[in-house]
Amino acid sequence: MAIMVVLMAIAMVSFLQWGRGTAMRSAIIVVKSNLVSARQWAITHRVPTHFICGNTNGVMAQNGFFVVTTNNASSGVIGTINYLQSRVQFSTTNDICFMLDGSCTGTTSLVTIGLTGQALTNSITVYALTGRATSH
């Protein structure tokens, strides 16, 4: 009986760690796909497109949000404001602007996502010259 309790305790800890990793992996996938979509929108619609991300401050349990938008008043926000899973946040607020050729203004950008209260982080690099987003 004691052996079963020990095995169950080990399994429960592993299961909880797996769940935290899943939230981070899905956040990286969603953010990266929206970065690619923002770049594609800029190229196909020939309008500068912004990917803006940040954190809600207490509104929705401190989770991150992001939105894709243009400077054009007629198109404005593309899609909806998106929120990351509970307790998943961006480390900084970013505004990445994709130009008509797919490049970004400024320098190479780093979008870092972390889990609140944990040392678990992951990053997406957006290269200024090409606008390409890669996760590591």
Foldseek 3Di string as FASTA:
>chain_A
DVVVVVVVVVVVVVVVVVVVVVLQVVVVVVLQVVLVVLLVCCQVVVFKKKKKKFWDDPPQQTWIKIWIATPDPVCGTDDDIGTGPHQKGWPHIDIWIAGNQSATPDAWDKTKIDGPPDPDIWIWIQGRVRRHIDTD
